[in-house]
Every structure is written in structure tokens, then in C-alpha cells.
N, C-alpha and C. Protein backbone atom coordinates (compact mmCIF):
# COMPACT_ATOMS: atom_id res chain seq x y z
N UNK A 1 25.71 11.53 -4.80
CA UNK A 1 24.27 11.42 -4.66
C UNK A 1 23.94 11.41 -3.18
N UNK A 2 23.00 12.26 -2.79
CA UNK A 2 22.56 12.33 -1.41
C UNK A 2 21.27 11.54 -1.28
N UNK A 3 21.18 10.71 -0.25
CA UNK A 3 19.99 9.90 -0.02
C UNK A 3 19.51 10.15 1.41
N UNK A 4 18.25 10.52 1.55
CA UNK A 4 17.62 10.65 2.86
C UNK A 4 16.62 9.52 3.02
N UNK A 5 16.58 8.91 4.18
CA UNK A 5 15.64 7.83 4.43
C UNK A 5 14.67 8.23 5.54
N UNK A 6 13.41 7.92 5.31
CA UNK A 6 12.39 8.06 6.34
C UNK A 6 11.87 6.66 6.58
N UNK A 7 12.03 6.16 7.79
CA UNK A 7 11.63 4.79 8.11
C UNK A 7 10.65 4.84 9.27
N UNK A 8 9.60 4.05 9.17
CA UNK A 8 8.61 3.99 10.25
C UNK A 8 8.47 2.55 10.72
N UNK A 9 8.23 2.38 11.99
CA UNK A 9 8.02 1.04 12.51
C UNK A 9 7.55 1.10 13.95
N UNK A 10 6.97 0.02 14.39
CA UNK A 10 6.53 -0.06 15.78
C UNK A 10 6.77 -1.48 16.28
N UNK A 11 6.91 -1.60 17.58
CA UNK A 11 7.13 -2.92 18.18
C UNK A 11 5.79 -3.56 18.48
N UNK A 12 5.60 -4.77 17.97
CA UNK A 12 4.38 -5.53 18.21
C UNK A 12 4.78 -6.75 19.02
N UNK A 13 4.20 -6.91 20.18
CA UNK A 13 4.55 -8.04 21.02
C UNK A 13 3.75 -9.26 20.61
N UNK A 14 4.46 -10.29 20.19
CA UNK A 14 3.81 -11.54 19.83
C UNK A 14 3.79 -12.48 21.02
N UNK A 15 3.34 -13.70 20.80
CA UNK A 15 3.26 -14.66 21.90
C UNK A 15 4.64 -14.99 22.45
N UNK A 16 5.58 -15.28 21.55
CA UNK A 16 6.90 -15.68 22.01
C UNK A 16 8.02 -14.76 21.52
N UNK A 17 7.74 -13.92 20.55
CA UNK A 17 8.79 -13.08 19.99
C UNK A 17 8.31 -11.64 19.85
N UNK A 18 9.26 -10.76 19.70
CA UNK A 18 8.96 -9.36 19.42
C UNK A 18 9.11 -9.18 17.91
N UNK A 19 8.12 -8.60 17.30
CA UNK A 19 8.11 -8.40 15.86
C UNK A 19 8.04 -6.91 15.59
N UNK A 20 8.83 -6.45 14.63
CA UNK A 20 8.78 -5.04 14.26
C UNK A 20 8.05 -4.90 12.94
N UNK A 21 7.17 -3.94 12.86
CA UNK A 21 6.40 -3.72 11.65
C UNK A 21 5.75 -2.36 11.70
N UNK A 22 5.00 -2.04 10.66
CA UNK A 22 4.32 -0.76 10.64
C UNK A 22 2.82 -0.93 10.50
N UNK A 23 2.38 -2.03 9.92
CA UNK A 23 0.96 -2.20 9.67
C UNK A 23 0.28 -3.17 10.60
N UNK A 24 -1.04 -3.05 10.65
CA UNK A 24 -1.85 -3.97 11.40
C UNK A 24 -3.11 -4.23 10.59
N UNK A 25 -3.24 -5.43 10.04
CA UNK A 25 -4.39 -5.80 9.21
C UNK A 25 -4.57 -4.87 8.01
N UNK A 26 -3.44 -4.53 7.37
CA UNK A 26 -3.48 -3.71 6.17
C UNK A 26 -3.70 -2.23 6.40
N UNK A 27 -3.63 -1.78 7.64
CA UNK A 27 -3.85 -0.37 7.97
C UNK A 27 -2.74 0.09 8.90
N UNK A 28 -2.55 1.41 8.97
CA UNK A 28 -1.63 1.96 9.97
C UNK A 28 -2.29 1.81 11.34
N UNK A 29 -1.53 1.44 12.36
CA UNK A 29 -2.14 1.26 13.68
C UNK A 29 -2.37 2.57 14.41
N UNK A 30 -2.11 3.68 13.76
CA UNK A 30 -2.32 4.99 14.38
C UNK A 30 -2.71 6.00 13.32
N UNK A 31 -3.16 7.16 13.75
CA UNK A 31 -3.50 8.26 12.84
C UNK A 31 -2.77 9.49 13.35
N UNK A 32 -1.65 9.81 12.73
CA UNK A 32 -0.83 10.95 13.14
C UNK A 32 -0.79 11.96 12.00
N UNK A 33 -1.69 12.92 12.05
CA UNK A 33 -1.85 13.89 10.97
C UNK A 33 -0.56 14.66 10.67
N UNK A 34 0.12 15.13 11.70
CA UNK A 34 1.35 15.89 11.49
C UNK A 34 2.46 15.04 10.89
N UNK A 35 2.52 13.77 11.27
CA UNK A 35 3.53 12.86 10.70
C UNK A 35 3.27 12.64 9.20
N UNK A 36 2.01 12.51 8.83
CA UNK A 36 1.67 12.33 7.41
C UNK A 36 2.03 13.58 6.61
N UNK A 37 1.79 14.76 7.19
CA UNK A 37 2.17 16.02 6.53
C UNK A 37 3.68 16.09 6.35
N UNK A 38 4.42 15.71 7.39
CA UNK A 38 5.88 15.73 7.34
C UNK A 38 6.36 14.78 6.24
N UNK A 39 5.81 13.57 6.20
CA UNK A 39 6.20 12.59 5.19
C UNK A 39 5.93 13.14 3.79
N UNK A 40 4.75 13.71 3.57
CA UNK A 40 4.41 14.26 2.25
C UNK A 40 5.37 15.39 1.88
N UNK A 41 5.65 16.28 2.81
CA UNK A 41 6.56 17.39 2.53
C UNK A 41 7.96 16.90 2.20
N UNK A 42 8.48 15.99 3.00
CA UNK A 42 9.85 15.50 2.81
C UNK A 42 10.00 14.68 1.54
N UNK A 43 8.95 13.98 1.14
CA UNK A 43 9.08 13.12 -0.04
C UNK A 43 8.66 13.80 -1.34
N UNK A 44 8.09 14.99 -1.27
CA UNK A 44 7.71 15.69 -2.50
C UNK A 44 8.58 16.91 -2.78
N UNK A 45 9.23 17.46 -1.76
CA UNK A 45 10.02 18.68 -1.92
C UNK A 45 11.43 18.36 -2.39
N UNK A 46 11.88 19.08 -3.42
CA UNK A 46 13.27 18.95 -3.89
C UNK A 46 13.87 20.34 -4.04
N UNK A 47 15.18 20.44 -3.88
CA UNK A 47 15.85 21.72 -4.12
C UNK A 47 15.90 22.02 -5.61
N UNK A 48 16.02 20.98 -6.41
CA UNK A 48 16.08 21.11 -7.86
C UNK A 48 14.72 20.72 -8.43
N UNK A 49 13.98 21.69 -8.92
CA UNK A 49 12.62 21.42 -9.40
C UNK A 49 12.58 20.55 -10.65
N UNK A 50 13.72 20.29 -11.26
CA UNK A 50 13.74 19.40 -12.42
C UNK A 50 13.84 17.93 -11.98
N UNK A 51 13.96 17.70 -10.68
CA UNK A 51 14.09 16.34 -10.16
C UNK A 51 12.87 15.95 -9.34
N UNK A 52 12.75 14.65 -9.12
CA UNK A 52 11.62 14.11 -8.36
C UNK A 52 12.15 13.12 -7.34
N UNK A 53 11.57 13.11 -6.15
CA UNK A 53 11.95 12.15 -5.12
C UNK A 53 11.31 10.80 -5.42
N UNK A 54 11.85 9.78 -4.78
CA UNK A 54 11.29 8.44 -4.91
C UNK A 54 10.90 7.92 -3.54
N UNK A 55 9.82 7.15 -3.50
CA UNK A 55 9.43 6.43 -2.30
C UNK A 55 9.52 4.94 -2.62
N UNK A 56 10.14 4.20 -1.74
CA UNK A 56 10.30 2.76 -1.92
C UNK A 56 9.45 2.08 -0.86
N UNK A 57 8.59 1.18 -1.32
CA UNK A 57 7.68 0.51 -0.38
C UNK A 57 7.46 -0.93 -0.80
N UNK A 58 7.06 -1.73 0.12
CA UNK A 58 6.70 -3.10 -0.18
C UNK A 58 5.30 -3.19 -0.78
N UNK A 59 5.01 -4.34 -1.33
CA UNK A 59 3.71 -4.57 -1.96
C UNK A 59 2.55 -4.35 -1.00
N UNK A 60 2.69 -4.82 0.22
CA UNK A 60 1.59 -4.67 1.18
C UNK A 60 1.35 -3.21 1.53
N UNK A 61 2.41 -2.42 1.62
CA UNK A 61 2.23 -0.99 1.87
C UNK A 61 1.52 -0.35 0.69
N UNK A 62 1.94 -0.70 -0.54
CA UNK A 62 1.28 -0.20 -1.76
C UNK A 62 -0.21 -0.52 -1.72
N UNK A 63 -0.54 -1.76 -1.38
CA UNK A 63 -1.94 -2.18 -1.36
C UNK A 63 -2.73 -1.50 -0.23
N UNK A 64 -2.05 -1.05 0.81
CA UNK A 64 -2.76 -0.40 1.92
C UNK A 64 -3.12 1.06 1.58
N UNK A 65 -2.52 1.61 0.54
CA UNK A 65 -2.85 2.97 0.11
C UNK A 65 -4.15 2.90 -0.69
N UNK A 66 -5.15 3.68 -0.34
CA UNK A 66 -6.40 3.65 -1.12
C UNK A 66 -6.11 3.90 -2.61
N UNK A 67 -6.79 3.16 -3.47
CA UNK A 67 -6.53 3.23 -4.91
C UNK A 67 -6.57 4.65 -5.46
N UNK A 68 -7.45 5.49 -4.92
CA UNK A 68 -7.57 6.85 -5.44
C UNK A 68 -6.31 7.69 -5.15
N UNK A 69 -5.46 7.23 -4.22
CA UNK A 69 -4.23 7.95 -3.89
C UNK A 69 -2.98 7.30 -4.50
N UNK A 70 -3.16 6.22 -5.29
CA UNK A 70 -2.04 5.52 -5.92
C UNK A 70 -1.86 5.99 -7.34
N UNK A 71 -0.63 6.17 -7.78
CA UNK A 71 0.60 6.26 -6.99
C UNK A 71 0.63 7.56 -6.20
N UNK A 72 1.50 7.61 -5.19
CA UNK A 72 1.64 8.83 -4.41
C UNK A 72 2.08 9.95 -5.36
N UNK A 73 1.36 11.07 -5.34
CA UNK A 73 1.60 12.16 -6.28
C UNK A 73 2.95 12.84 -6.08
N UNK A 74 3.49 13.33 -7.18
CA UNK A 74 4.71 14.15 -7.20
C UNK A 74 5.95 13.44 -6.67
N UNK A 75 5.97 12.12 -6.80
CA UNK A 75 7.14 11.32 -6.44
C UNK A 75 7.09 10.02 -7.20
N UNK A 76 8.26 9.44 -7.40
CA UNK A 76 8.34 8.16 -8.10
C UNK A 76 8.10 7.06 -7.08
N UNK A 77 7.21 6.11 -7.38
CA UNK A 77 6.86 5.02 -6.47
C UNK A 77 7.54 3.74 -6.93
N UNK A 78 8.38 3.16 -6.08
CA UNK A 78 9.04 1.89 -6.40
C UNK A 78 8.48 0.84 -5.46
N UNK A 79 7.87 -0.20 -6.04
CA UNK A 79 7.21 -1.24 -5.26
C UNK A 79 8.09 -2.49 -5.23
N UNK A 80 8.43 -2.96 -4.04
CA UNK A 80 9.22 -4.17 -3.88
C UNK A 80 8.28 -5.36 -3.74
N UNK A 81 8.43 -6.35 -4.62
CA UNK A 81 7.64 -7.57 -4.55
C UNK A 81 8.41 -8.70 -5.21
N UNK A 82 8.20 -9.91 -4.76
CA UNK A 82 8.85 -11.07 -5.40
C UNK A 82 8.19 -11.40 -6.72
N UNK A 83 6.98 -10.91 -6.94
CA UNK A 83 6.21 -11.21 -8.15
C UNK A 83 6.52 -10.17 -9.23
N UNK A 84 7.36 -10.54 -10.19
CA UNK A 84 7.78 -9.62 -11.25
C UNK A 84 6.63 -9.21 -12.17
N UNK A 85 5.53 -9.96 -12.16
CA UNK A 85 4.38 -9.64 -13.01
C UNK A 85 3.21 -9.10 -12.19
N UNK A 86 3.49 -8.57 -11.03
CA UNK A 86 2.46 -8.05 -10.13
C UNK A 86 1.62 -6.98 -10.83
N UNK A 87 0.30 -7.05 -10.67
CA UNK A 87 -0.62 -6.07 -11.24
C UNK A 87 -0.76 -4.90 -10.28
N UNK A 88 -0.31 -3.71 -10.69
CA UNK A 88 -0.34 -2.53 -9.84
C UNK A 88 -1.75 -2.01 -9.58
N UNK A 89 -2.70 -2.41 -10.39
CA UNK A 89 -4.10 -1.97 -10.27
C UNK A 89 -4.22 -0.46 -10.29
N UNK A 90 -3.51 0.15 -11.25
CA UNK A 90 -3.61 1.60 -11.45
C UNK A 90 -3.42 1.90 -12.93
N UNK A 91 -4.10 2.93 -13.39
CA UNK A 91 -3.94 3.35 -14.78
C UNK A 91 -2.73 4.27 -14.94
N UNK A 92 -2.33 4.92 -13.86
CA UNK A 92 -1.21 5.86 -13.90
C UNK A 92 0.08 5.12 -13.57
N UNK A 93 0.74 4.58 -14.57
CA UNK A 93 1.96 3.81 -14.33
C UNK A 93 3.23 4.58 -14.68
N UNK A 94 3.10 5.86 -15.05
CA UNK A 94 4.29 6.62 -15.44
C UNK A 94 5.22 6.89 -14.26
N UNK A 95 4.70 6.93 -13.05
CA UNK A 95 5.52 7.20 -11.87
C UNK A 95 5.64 6.00 -10.95
N UNK A 96 5.54 4.78 -11.53
CA UNK A 96 5.59 3.56 -10.73
C UNK A 96 6.46 2.52 -11.42
N UNK A 97 7.22 1.78 -10.62
CA UNK A 97 7.98 0.64 -11.15
C UNK A 97 7.96 -0.46 -10.10
N UNK A 98 8.11 -1.68 -10.59
CA UNK A 98 8.18 -2.85 -9.71
C UNK A 98 9.61 -3.33 -9.69
N UNK A 99 10.09 -3.66 -8.51
CA UNK A 99 11.43 -4.23 -8.36
C UNK A 99 11.24 -5.56 -7.64
N UNK A 100 11.55 -6.65 -8.36
CA UNK A 100 11.30 -7.98 -7.78
C UNK A 100 12.47 -8.50 -6.96
N UNK A 101 13.57 -7.78 -6.96
CA UNK A 101 14.66 -8.10 -6.05
C UNK A 101 15.39 -6.79 -5.75
N UNK A 102 15.91 -6.69 -4.59
CA UNK A 102 16.56 -5.44 -4.21
C UNK A 102 18.01 -5.48 -4.68
N UNK A 103 18.16 -5.46 -5.99
CA UNK A 103 19.46 -5.39 -6.61
C UNK A 103 19.86 -3.92 -6.63
N UNK A 104 20.86 -3.55 -5.87
CA UNK A 104 21.22 -2.15 -5.70
C UNK A 104 21.57 -1.49 -7.03
N UNK A 105 22.29 -2.19 -7.88
CA UNK A 105 22.66 -1.62 -9.18
C UNK A 105 21.40 -1.32 -10.00
N UNK A 106 20.44 -2.26 -10.02
CA UNK A 106 19.18 -2.06 -10.74
C UNK A 106 18.39 -0.91 -10.13
N UNK A 107 18.34 -0.87 -8.81
CA UNK A 107 17.61 0.17 -8.11
C UNK A 107 18.14 1.55 -8.49
N UNK A 108 19.45 1.74 -8.44
CA UNK A 108 20.02 3.04 -8.79
C UNK A 108 19.81 3.36 -10.27
N UNK A 109 19.83 2.35 -11.12
CA UNK A 109 19.58 2.58 -12.55
C UNK A 109 18.16 3.15 -12.74
N UNK A 110 17.19 2.58 -12.04
CA UNK A 110 15.80 3.08 -12.12
C UNK A 110 15.74 4.51 -11.58
N UNK A 111 16.31 4.72 -10.41
CA UNK A 111 16.22 6.04 -9.78
C UNK A 111 16.94 7.11 -10.59
N UNK A 112 18.08 6.77 -11.18
CA UNK A 112 18.81 7.75 -11.98
C UNK A 112 18.14 8.04 -13.31
N UNK A 113 17.27 7.14 -13.76
CA UNK A 113 16.59 7.35 -15.05
C UNK A 113 15.36 8.24 -14.93
N UNK A 114 14.98 8.59 -13.71
CA UNK A 114 13.83 9.47 -13.52
C UNK A 114 14.23 10.85 -14.01
N UNK A 115 13.56 11.32 -15.04
CA UNK A 115 13.98 12.58 -15.63
C UNK A 115 13.13 13.76 -15.19
N UNK A 116 12.27 13.56 -14.24
CA UNK A 116 11.46 14.70 -13.77
C UNK A 116 11.98 15.19 -12.45
């Protein structure tokens, strides 16, 4: 199994420590149109059209996506949260799953069960 990772982050200087993150008040701290296009292309394109890519994100990232764009189209969305009963607030749940712990065996079981 081949796995490609796309990771984003920025350094935020705090009062006493350096913190790494991607968001600022529930939003991206920048607007990079070409980066968003690259992300969409890389996460939706597959060599085998019978397969689908997955995006793994935390709950806060999920919530930062406007509801009309949730789940991200043409990819399986896996939401990491400690709350196993978290309400996704979407009617389209066929391409979304919640993972309340990053159990690698469970994660691969979900990803391998994607039949699209």
C-alpha cells in the first residue's frame, strides 16, 4: 500500500513558547489559491478510478470547512475526535467516518473498506 501525506503548518510565536499549527480562530491564516488547487488535485486524483483517496483531519479542521463543502467531494473524509458520538452536522455521511482514537489497525480497516 502506498501512502502519500500532505501536511500543512505554520509557526505561531506565543508569549513563552513556539506553537505549530495551521489555523487561527477557526480559519486559515492565509489565502493561497494555487495551494488549494494542488491539495484538491492531489487528494481527488487516483491512478485507479475504482478507488478513492482519503483525507484525515481533526474535528476543528472539519468544523472550519463551510458546511456547504462538507464532506470534501470525491474523497473519503476521516475525522479525528475524542468524542465518539460527535455530530458531523451533515446529511451526506456516506463518505465520512469518525475515529475517536488513532488506532492504526482500525484506521487501515476503515481505509481498506472504501470500495469506491
